[in-house]
Amino acid sequence: MSDPITLNVGGKLYTTSLATLTSFPDSMLGAMFSGKMPTKRDSQGNCFIDRDGKVFRYILNFLRTSHLDLPEDFQEMGLLRREADFYQVQPLIEALQEKEVELSKAEKNAMLNITLNQRVQTVHFTVREAPQIYSLSSSSMEVFNANIFSTSCLFLKLLGSKLFYCSNGNLSSITTHLQDPNHLTLDWVANVEGLPEEEYTKQNLKRLWVVPANKQINSFQVFVEEVLKIALSDGFCIDSSHPHAVDFMNNKIIRLIRYR
């Protein structure tokens, strides 16, 4: 057996064998480690490849086993495909294409369930009336909560491309708040009358916007309308058997289904 070879891929170290790296001779790795292409070294003498180090583990495992093994909640398919293209491991490229077809079929039939809650609370804040003169004020504030579950990870990504939190004066996608690939919890507030802009930041009060319409969501009615637009455009329809009509009309529960 040949001596182990340590690779530095984007700052992440991997140890493997020459046989593994040359298992697909027509690939870029096969060319690099058979002497057909030059290799770079880091300061420790390890072979250096300036590519993504995190997903390289899946490429290396494929070189070892000729089998594509990915976790069920894998979210880096696009990145892995680009890396496979770079390394030109053709059987891996084909395996990824088959995997994407499989995922696409699984995504066709889907369920979307949204539970909504709303409450009113009092917010206290200071108002600057003149230089060095402040007064204490308070106002009622509507607080909204939406628990969203979908069997389609891709739909939640689509939703995340349309809905944004406004916090600290910046918009950020709601996808950063995904609890897992299928579950998202949103908490936001409506505009508060008389509340200075800096108080939203100070009290960590997030507002919700829909783009590209650039519309702020200040009520559940607007939220439901916007989510329905997005869901219906993605092939969902209202599940007439559930929930109870009263709950749906009161904007408490929304359930949609998609059959393709």
C-alpha atoms as a PDB file:
ATOM      1  CA  MET A   1       0.000   0.000   0.000  1.00  0.00           C
ATOM      2  CA  SER A   2       1.175   3.527  -0.783  1.00  0.00           C
ATOM      3  CA  ASP A   3       1.814   6.071   1.954  1.00  0.00           C
ATOM      4  CA  PRO A   4      -1.166   8.219   3.000  1.00  0.00           C
ATOM      5  CA  ILE A   5      -1.598  11.548   1.219  1.00  0.00           C
ATOM      6  CA  THR A   6      -2.907  14.601   3.056  1.00  0.00           C
ATOM      7  CA  LEU A   7      -4.887  17.151   1.069  1.00  0.00           C
ATOM      8  CA  ASN A   8      -5.639  20.714   2.083  1.00  0.00           C
ATOM      9  CA  VAL A   9      -8.933  21.535   0.366  1.00  0.00           C
ATOM     10  CA  GLY A  10      -9.935  25.120   1.085  1.00  0.00           C
ATOM     11  CA  GLY A  11      -8.300  24.925   4.511  1.00  0.00           C
ATOM     12  CA  LYS A  12      -9.843  21.566   5.472  1.00  0.00           C
ATOM     13  CA  LEU A  13      -7.481  18.577   5.723  1.00  0.00           C
ATOM     14  CA  TYR A  14      -8.259  15.132   4.313  1.00  0.00           C
ATOM     15  CA  THR A  15      -6.073  12.030   4.383  1.00  0.00           C
ATOM     16  CA  THR A  16      -6.447   9.360   1.735  1.00  0.00           C
ATOM     17  CA  SER A  17      -4.414   7.155  -0.591  1.00  0.00           C
ATOM     18  CA  LEU A  18      -2.975   7.574  -4.054  1.00  0.00           C
ATOM     19  CA  ALA A  19      -5.122   4.683  -5.258  1.00  0.00           C
ATOM     20  CA  THR A  20      -8.279   6.504  -4.163  1.00  0.00           C
ATOM     21  CA  LEU A  21      -7.274   9.791  -5.790  1.00  0.00           C
ATOM     22  CA  THR A  22      -6.507   8.063  -9.094  1.00  0.00           C
ATOM     23  CA  SER A  23      -9.493   5.699  -9.043  1.00  0.00           C
ATOM     24  CA  PHE A  24     -11.012   7.687 -11.933  1.00  0.00           C
ATOM     25  CA  PRO A  25      -8.011   8.361 -14.219  1.00  0.00           C
ATOM     26  CA  ASP A  26      -9.939  10.688 -16.545  1.00  0.00           C
ATOM     27  CA  SER A  27     -10.872  13.056 -13.710  1.00  0.00           C
ATOM     28  CA  MET A  28      -8.907  16.146 -12.726  1.00  0.00           C
ATOM     29  CA  LEU A  29      -7.816  14.452  -9.499  1.00  0.00           C
ATOM     30  CA  GLY A  30      -6.676  11.449 -11.505  1.00  0.00           C
ATOM     31  CA  ALA A  31      -4.583  13.733 -13.709  1.00  0.00           C
ATOM     32  CA  MET A  32      -3.188  15.703 -10.757  1.00  0.00           C
ATOM     33  CA  PHE A  33      -1.990  12.678  -8.831  1.00  0.00           C
ATOM     34  CA  SER A  34      -0.723  10.674 -11.781  1.00  0.00           C
ATOM     35  CA  GLY A  35       1.733  13.429 -12.627  1.00  0.00           C
ATOM     36  CA  LYS A  36      -0.113  14.773 -15.671  1.00  0.00           C
ATOM     37  CA  MET A  37      -0.929  18.071 -13.929  1.00  0.00           C
ATOM     38  CA  PRO A  38       1.134  20.106 -11.454  1.00  0.00           C
ATOM     39  CA  THR A  39       0.045  20.274  -7.800  1.00  0.00           C
ATOM     40  CA  LYS A  40       0.438  23.090  -5.303  1.00  0.00           C
ATOM     41  CA  ARG A  41       1.651  22.717  -1.710  1.00  0.00           C
ATOM     42  CA  ASP A  42       0.728  24.566   1.458  1.00  0.00           C
ATOM     43  CA  SER A  43       3.228  25.660   4.109  1.00  0.00           C
ATOM     44  CA  GLN A  44       3.080  22.199   5.704  1.00  0.00           C
ATOM     45  CA  GLY A  45       3.838  20.413   2.446  1.00  0.00           C
ATOM     46  CA  ASN A  46       0.275  19.146   1.948  1.00  0.00           C
ATOM     47  CA  CYS A  47      -1.235  19.141  -1.538  1.00  0.00           C
ATOM     48  CA  PHE A  48      -3.382  22.263  -1.741  1.00  0.00           C
ATOM     49  CA  ILE A  49      -6.626  22.607  -3.730  1.00  0.00           C
ATOM     50  CA  ASP A  50      -8.382  25.971  -3.602  1.00  0.00           C
ATOM     51  CA  ARG A  51     -11.946  24.649  -3.582  1.00  0.00           C
ATOM     52  CA  ASP A  52     -14.770  24.165  -1.069  1.00  0.00           C
ATOM     53  CA  GLY A  53     -13.501  21.955   1.734  1.00  0.00           C
ATOM     54  CA  LYS A  54     -16.833  21.068   3.319  1.00  0.00           C
ATOM     55  CA  VAL A  55     -18.425  19.188   0.409  1.00  0.00           C
ATOM     56  CA  PHE A  56     -15.149  17.558  -0.666  1.00  0.00           C
ATOM     57  CA  ARG A  57     -15.890  14.770   1.827  1.00  0.00           C
ATOM     58  CA  TYR A  58     -18.710  13.538  -0.427  1.00  0.00           C
ATOM     59  CA  ILE A  59     -16.452  13.610  -3.475  1.00  0.00           C
ATOM     60  CA  LEU A  60     -13.726  11.723  -1.621  1.00  0.00           C
ATOM     61  CA  ASN A  61     -16.191   9.111  -0.381  1.00  0.00           C
ATOM     62  CA  PHE A  62     -17.396   8.612  -3.949  1.00  0.00           C
ATOM     63  CA  LEU A  63     -13.808   8.046  -5.071  1.00  0.00           C
ATOM     64  CA  ARG A  64     -13.503   5.388  -2.361  1.00  0.00           C
ATOM     65  CA  THR A  65     -16.779   3.545  -2.940  1.00  0.00           C
ATOM     66  CA  SER A  66     -18.177   4.637  -6.342  1.00  0.00           C
ATOM     67  CA  HIS A  67     -21.432   5.311  -4.466  1.00  0.00           C
ATOM     68  CA  LEU A  68     -23.104   8.639  -3.698  1.00  0.00           C
ATOM     69  CA  ASP A  69     -23.955   8.852   0.013  1.00  0.00           C
ATOM     70  CA  LEU A  70     -25.694  12.032   1.158  1.00  0.00           C
ATOM     71  CA  PRO A  71     -27.574  12.796   4.402  1.00  0.00           C
ATOM     72  CA  GLU A  72     -31.361  13.058   4.111  1.00  0.00           C
ATOM     73  CA  ASP A  73     -31.342  16.778   4.922  1.00  0.00           C
ATOM     74  CA  PHE A  74     -28.483  17.624   2.527  1.00  0.00           C
ATOM     75  CA  GLN A  75     -28.896  21.243   1.355  1.00  0.00           C
ATOM     76  CA  GLU A  76     -25.780  21.788  -0.806  1.00  0.00           C
ATOM     77  CA  MET A  77     -26.747  19.946  -3.991  1.00  0.00           C
ATOM     78  CA  GLY A  78     -25.972  22.895  -6.250  1.00  0.00           C
ATOM     79  CA  LEU A  79     -22.548  23.398  -4.684  1.00  0.00           C
ATOM     80  CA  LEU A  80     -21.723  19.693  -4.831  1.00  0.00           C
ATOM     81  CA  ARG A  81     -22.703  19.577  -8.506  1.00  0.00           C
ATOM     82  CA  ARG A  82     -20.378  22.501  -9.274  1.00  0.00           C
ATOM     83  CA  GLU A  83     -17.527  20.826  -7.395  1.00  0.00           C
ATOM     84  CA  ALA A  84     -18.112  17.536  -9.234  1.00  0.00           C
ATOM     85  CA  ASP A  85     -17.973  19.466 -12.513  1.00  0.00           C
ATOM     86  CA  PHE A  86     -14.686  21.063 -11.441  1.00  0.00           C
ATOM     87  CA  TYR A  87     -13.068  17.743 -10.538  1.00  0.00           C
ATOM     88  CA  GLN A  88     -14.574  16.139 -13.670  1.00  0.00           C
ATOM     89  CA  VAL A  89     -15.563  12.885 -11.939  1.00  0.00           C
ATOM     90  CA  GLN A  90     -18.007  11.829 -14.637  1.00  0.00           C
ATOM     91  CA  PRO A  91     -19.662   8.912 -12.764  1.00  0.00           C
ATOM     92  CA  LEU A  92     -20.283  11.271  -9.825  1.00  0.00           C
ATOM     93  CA  ILE A  93     -21.806  13.873 -12.161  1.00  0.00           C
ATOM     94  CA  GLU A  94     -24.159  11.195 -13.508  1.00  0.00           C
ATOM     95  CA  ALA A  95     -25.020   9.994  -9.980  1.00  0.00           C
ATOM     96  CA  LEU A  96     -25.878  13.570  -8.975  1.00  0.00           C
ATOM     97  CA  GLN A  97     -28.133  13.964 -12.017  1.00  0.00           C
ATOM     98  CA  GLU A  98     -29.996  10.776 -11.038  1.00  0.00           C
ATOM     99  CA  LYS A  99     -30.281  12.001  -7.446  1.00  0.00           C
ATOM    100  CA  GLU A 100     -31.752  15.339  -8.541  1.00  0.00           C
ATOM    101  CA  VAL A 101     -34.346  13.566 -10.695  1.00  0.00           C
ATOM    102  CA  GLU A 102     -35.245  11.405  -7.694  1.00  0.00           C
ATOM    103  CA  LEU A 103     -35.587  14.463  -5.432  1.00  0.00           C
ATOM    104  CA  SER A 104     -37.660  16.276  -8.045  1.00  0.00           C
ATOM    105  CA  LYS A 105     -40.142  13.395  -8.214  1.00  0.00           C
ATOM    106  CA  ALA A 106     -40.385  13.264  -4.422  1.00  0.00           C
ATOM    107  CA  GLU A 107     -41.090  17.005  -4.325  1.00  0.00           C
ATOM    108  CA  LYS A 108     -44.028  16.880  -6.738  1.00  0.00           C
ATOM    109  CA  ASN A 109     -46.637  15.810  -4.189  1.00  0.00           C
ATOM    110  CA  ALA A 110     -46.500  18.022  -1.119  1.00  0.00           C
ATOM    111  CA  MET A 111     -48.406  19.349   1.872  1.00  0.00           C
ATOM    112  CA  LEU A 112     -48.245  22.805   3.420  1.00  0.00           C
ATOM    113  CA  ASN A 113     -49.626  23.508   6.890  1.00  0.00           C
ATOM    114  CA  ILE A 114     -49.588  26.941   8.547  1.00  0.00           C
ATOM    115  CA  THR A 115     -50.829  27.692  12.068  1.00  0.00           C
ATOM    116  CA  LEU A 116     -51.289  31.365  12.945  1.00  0.00           C
ATOM    117  CA  ASN A 117     -51.420  33.105  16.307  1.00  0.00           C
ATOM    118  CA  GLN A 118     -51.855  36.755  17.181  1.00  0.00           C
ATOM    119  CA  ARG A 119     -51.739  38.757  20.383  1.00  0.00           C
ATOM    120  CA  VAL A 120     -51.684  42.391  21.478  1.00  0.00           C
ATOM    121  CA  GLN A 121     -49.110  43.620  23.942  1.00  0.00           C
ATOM    122  CA  THR A 122     -47.990  46.978  25.247  1.00  0.00           C
ATOM    123  CA  VAL A 123     -44.634  48.383  24.217  1.00  0.00           C
ATOM    124  CA  HIS A 124     -42.928  51.090  26.275  1.00  0.00           C
ATOM    125  CA  PHE A 125     -40.463  53.518  24.731  1.00  0.00           C
ATOM    126  CA  THR A 126     -38.913  56.946  25.150  1.00  0.00           C
ATOM    127  CA  VAL A 127     -39.610  59.870  22.864  1.00  0.00           C
ATOM    128  CA  ARG A 128     -37.168  62.720  22.388  1.00  0.00           C
ATOM    129  CA  GLU A 129     -39.171  65.949  22.582  1.00  0.00           C
ATOM    130  CA  ALA A 130     -36.221  68.363  22.595  1.00  0.00           C
ATOM    131  CA  PRO A 131     -32.443  68.223  23.108  1.00  0.00           C
ATOM    132  CA  GLN A 132     -31.859  66.361  26.396  1.00  0.00           C
ATOM    133  CA  ILE A 133     -35.610  66.184  27.031  1.00  0.00           C
ATOM    134  CA  TYR A 134     -37.254  62.744  26.840  1.00  0.00           C
ATOM    135  CA  SER A 135     -40.669  61.441  27.836  1.00  0.00           C
ATOM    136  CA  LEU A 136     -41.893  57.915  28.472  1.00  0.00           C
ATOM    137  CA  SER A 137     -44.642  56.678  26.182  1.00  0.00           C
ATOM    138  CA  SER A 138     -46.441  53.426  25.444  1.00  0.00           C
ATOM    139  CA  SER A 139     -48.569  51.964  22.697  1.00  0.00           C
ATOM    140  CA  SER A 140     -50.427  48.780  21.812  1.00  0.00           C
ATOM    141  CA  MET A 141     -48.551  46.464  19.460  1.00  0.00           C
ATOM    142  CA  GLU A 142     -49.836  43.550  17.370  1.00  0.00           C
ATOM    143  CA  VAL A 143     -47.525  40.538  17.539  1.00  0.00           C
ATOM    144  CA  PHE A 144     -47.860  37.773  14.947  1.00  0.00           C
ATOM    145  CA  ASN A 145     -46.621  34.168  14.941  1.00  0.00           C
ATOM    146  CA  ALA A 146     -46.747  31.677  12.074  1.00  0.00           C
ATOM    147  CA  ASN A 147     -45.639  28.060  12.328  1.00  0.00           C
ATOM    148  CA  ILE A 148     -45.072  26.733   8.809  1.00  0.00           C
ATOM    149  CA  PHE A 149     -44.520  23.089   7.926  1.00  0.00           C
ATOM    150  CA  SER A 150     -44.121  21.741   4.407  1.00  0.00           C
ATOM    151  CA  THR A 151     -43.034  18.373   3.086  1.00  0.00           C
ATOM    152  CA  SER A 152     -41.452  20.326   0.223  1.00  0.00           C
ATOM    153  CA  CYS A 153     -38.074  21.797   1.183  1.00  0.00           C
ATOM    154  CA  LEU A 154     -37.993  23.579  -2.157  1.00  0.00           C
ATOM    155  CA  PHE A 155     -41.240  25.420  -1.405  1.00  0.00           C
ATOM    156  CA  LEU A 156     -39.852  26.767   1.868  1.00  0.00           C
ATOM    157  CA  LYS A 157     -36.827  27.995  -0.083  1.00  0.00           C
ATOM    158  CA  LEU A 158     -39.211  29.672  -2.539  1.00  0.00           C
ATOM    159  CA  LEU A 159     -41.057  31.277   0.372  1.00  0.00           C
ATOM    160  CA  GLY A 160     -37.720  32.452   1.723  1.00  0.00           C
ATOM    161  CA  SER A 161     -36.973  34.222  -1.548  1.00  0.00           C
ATOM    162  CA  LYS A 162     -40.186  36.267  -1.185  1.00  0.00           C
ATOM    163  CA  LEU A 163     -40.479  37.029   2.546  1.00  0.00           C
ATOM    164  CA  PHE A 164     -37.918  39.098   4.424  1.00  0.00           C
ATOM    165  CA  TYR A 165     -37.461  40.362   7.961  1.00  0.00           C
ATOM    166  CA  CYS A 166     -36.740  44.044   8.433  1.00  0.00           C
ATOM    167  CA  SER A 167     -34.337  44.413  11.351  1.00  0.00           C
ATOM    168  CA  ASN A 168     -31.650  46.990  12.136  1.00  0.00           C
ATOM    169  CA  GLY A 169     -32.687  48.790   8.972  1.00  0.00           C
ATOM    170  CA  ASN A 170     -31.794  45.803   6.765  1.00  0.00           C
ATOM    171  CA  LEU A 171     -33.789  43.086   5.014  1.00  0.00           C
ATOM    172  CA  SER A 172     -32.806  39.459   5.688  1.00  0.00           C
ATOM    173  CA  SER A 173     -34.347  36.320   4.209  1.00  0.00           C
ATOM    174  CA  ILE A 174     -36.553  34.267   6.511  1.00  0.00           C
ATOM    175  CA  THR A 175     -34.623  31.141   5.405  1.00  0.00           C
ATOM    176  CA  THR A 176     -31.962  32.039   7.972  1.00  0.00           C
ATOM    177  CA  HIS A 177     -34.589  31.164  10.590  1.00  0.00           C
ATOM    178  CA  LEU A 178     -35.355  27.654   9.301  1.00  0.00           C
ATOM    179  CA  GLN A 179     -35.523  25.225  12.225  1.00  0.00           C
ATOM    180  CA  ASP A 180     -34.999  22.347   9.806  1.00  0.00           C
ATOM    181  CA  PRO A 181     -35.495  21.911   6.035  1.00  0.00           C
ATOM    182  CA  ASN A 182     -39.262  21.393   6.506  1.00  0.00           C
ATOM    183  CA  HIS A 183     -40.170  23.703   9.377  1.00  0.00           C
ATOM    184  CA  LEU A 184     -40.137  27.469   9.715  1.00  0.00           C
ATOM    185  CA  THR A 185     -41.332  29.696  12.565  1.00  0.00           C
ATOM    186  CA  LEU A 186     -41.948  33.397  11.953  1.00  0.00           C
ATOM    187  CA  ASP A 187     -42.427  36.075  14.597  1.00  0.00           C
ATOM    188  CA  TRP A 188     -43.001  39.706  13.655  1.00  0.00           C
ATOM    189  CA  VAL A 189     -44.845  42.874  14.624  1.00  0.00           C
ATOM    190  CA  ALA A 190     -47.004  45.395  12.831  1.00  0.00           C
ATOM    191  CA  ASN A 191     -46.029  49.055  12.682  1.00  0.00           C
ATOM    192  CA  VAL A 192     -46.463  50.680  16.077  1.00  0.00           C
ATOM    193  CA  GLU A 193     -47.915  54.180  16.085  1.00  0.00           C
ATOM    194  CA  GLY A 194     -45.443  56.709  17.460  1.00  0.00           C
ATOM    195  CA  LEU A 195     -42.624  54.196  17.936  1.00  0.00           C
ATOM    196  CA  PRO A 196     -39.290  55.700  16.814  1.00  0.00           C
ATOM    197  CA  GLU A 197     -37.385  53.658  14.252  1.00  0.00           C
ATOM    198  CA  GLU A 198     -34.429  53.093  16.590  1.00  0.00           C
ATOM    199  CA  GLU A 199     -36.748  51.491  19.153  1.00  0.00           C
ATOM    200  CA  TYR A 200     -37.511  48.599  16.767  1.00  0.00           C
ATOM    201  CA  THR A 201     -33.804  47.792  16.802  1.00  0.00           C
ATOM    202  CA  LYS A 202     -33.343  48.407  20.516  1.00  0.00           C
ATOM    203  CA  GLN A 203     -36.254  46.133  21.454  1.00  0.00           C
ATOM    204  CA  ASN A 204     -35.468  43.548  18.736  1.00  0.00           C
ATOM    205  CA  LEU A 205     -38.828  43.994  17.020  1.00  0.00           C
ATOM    206  CA  LYS A 206     -38.827  42.505  13.526  1.00  0.00           C
ATOM    207  CA  ARG A 207     -41.213  43.533  10.769  1.00  0.00           C
ATOM    208  CA  LEU A 208     -42.079  41.363   7.777  1.00  0.00           C
ATOM    209  CA  TRP A 209     -41.910  42.371   4.111  1.00  0.00           C
ATOM    210  CA  VAL A 210     -42.811  40.654   0.867  1.00  0.00           C
ATOM    211  CA  VAL A 211     -40.706  41.282  -2.245  1.00  0.00           C
ATOM    212  CA  PRO A 212     -40.585  42.211  -5.068  1.00  0.00           C
ATOM    213  CA  ALA A 213     -43.859  43.997  -4.187  1.00  0.00           C
ATOM    214  CA  ASN A 214     -42.018  45.745  -1.320  1.00  0.00           C
ATOM    215  CA  LYS A 215     -45.132  45.499   0.835  1.00  0.00           C
ATOM    216  CA  GLN A 216     -45.012  45.407   4.614  1.00  0.00           C
ATOM    217  CA  ILE A 217     -47.174  42.730   6.241  1.00  0.00           C
ATOM    218  CA  ASN A 218     -49.158  44.424   9.013  1.00  0.00           C
ATOM    219  CA  SER A 219     -52.002  41.916   9.335  1.00  0.00           C
ATOM    220  CA  PHE A 220     -52.727  38.213   9.033  1.00  0.00           C
ATOM    221  CA  GLN A 221     -55.042  38.948   6.120  1.00  0.00           C
ATOM    222  CA  VAL A 222     -52.158  40.374   4.097  1.00  0.00           C
ATOM    223  CA  PHE A 223     -49.878  37.506   5.200  1.00  0.00           C
ATOM    224  CA  VAL A 224     -52.412  34.874   4.127  1.00  0.00           C
ATOM    225  CA  GLU A 225     -53.004  36.615   0.792  1.00  0.00           C
ATOM    226  CA  GLU A 226     -49.287  36.768  -0.005  1.00  0.00           C
ATOM    227  CA  VAL A 227     -48.562  33.179   1.066  1.00  0.00           C
ATOM    228  CA  LEU A 228     -51.534  31.933  -0.971  1.00  0.00           C
ATOM    229  CA  LYS A 229     -50.224  33.768  -4.055  1.00  0.00           C
ATOM    230  CA  ILE A 230     -46.831  32.103  -3.681  1.00  0.00           C
ATOM    231  CA  ALA A 231     -48.265  28.649  -2.915  1.00  0.00           C
ATOM    232  CA  LEU A 232     -50.881  28.671  -5.697  1.00  0.00           C
ATOM    233  CA  SER A 233     -48.215  29.734  -8.215  1.00  0.00           C
ATOM    234  CA  ASP A 234     -46.209  26.675  -7.125  1.00  0.00           C
ATOM    235  CA  GLY A 235     -49.080  24.269  -7.792  1.00  0.00           C
ATOM    236  CA  PHE A 236     -50.688  24.073  -4.337  1.00  0.00           C
ATOM    237  CA  CYS A 237     -54.438  24.181  -3.791  1.00  0.00           C
ATOM    238  CA  ILE A 238     -56.591  24.550  -0.685  1.00  0.00           C
ATOM    239  CA  ASP A 239     -57.364  21.274   1.095  1.00  0.00           C
ATOM    240  CA  SER A 240     -61.160  21.483   1.400  1.00  0.00           C
ATOM    241  CA  SER A 241     -61.321  18.576   3.878  1.00  0.00           C
ATOM    242  CA  HIS A 242     -59.086  20.250   6.455  1.00  0.00           C
ATOM    243  CA  PRO A 243     -59.105  22.429   8.478  1.00  0.00           C
ATOM    244  CA  HIS A 244     -62.572  23.407   9.616  1.00  0.00           C
ATOM    245  CA  ALA A 245     -64.011  26.214   7.511  1.00  0.00           C
ATOM    246  CA  VAL A 246     -64.337  28.492  10.561  1.00  0.00           C
ATOM    247  CA  ASP A 247     -60.626  28.122  11.382  1.00  0.00           C
ATOM    248  CA  PHE A 248     -59.662  28.907   7.800  1.00  0.00           C
ATOM    249  CA  MET A 249     -61.884  31.978   7.571  1.00  0.00           C
ATOM    250  CA  ASN A 250     -60.519  33.218  10.901  1.00  0.00           C
ATOM    251  CA  ASN A 251     -56.971  32.866   9.535  1.00  0.00           C
ATOM    252  CA  LYS A 252     -55.993  30.371  12.265  1.00  0.00           C
ATOM    253  CA  ILE A 253     -55.047  27.359  10.162  1.00  0.00           C
ATOM    254  CA  ILE A 254     -54.128  27.085   6.501  1.00  0.00           C
ATOM    255  CA  ARG A 255     -53.589  23.736   4.832  1.00  0.00           C
ATOM    256  CA  LEU A 256     -52.744  23.320   1.176  1.00  0.00           C
ATOM    257  CA  ILE A 257     -51.852  20.281  -0.886  1.00  0.00           C
ATOM    258  CA  ARG A 258     -50.159  19.676  -4.207  1.00  0.00           C
ATOM    259  CA  TYR A 259     -50.602  16.680  -6.537  1.00  0.00           C
ATOM    260  CA  ARG A 260     -48.652  16.364  -9.756  1.00  0.00           C
END
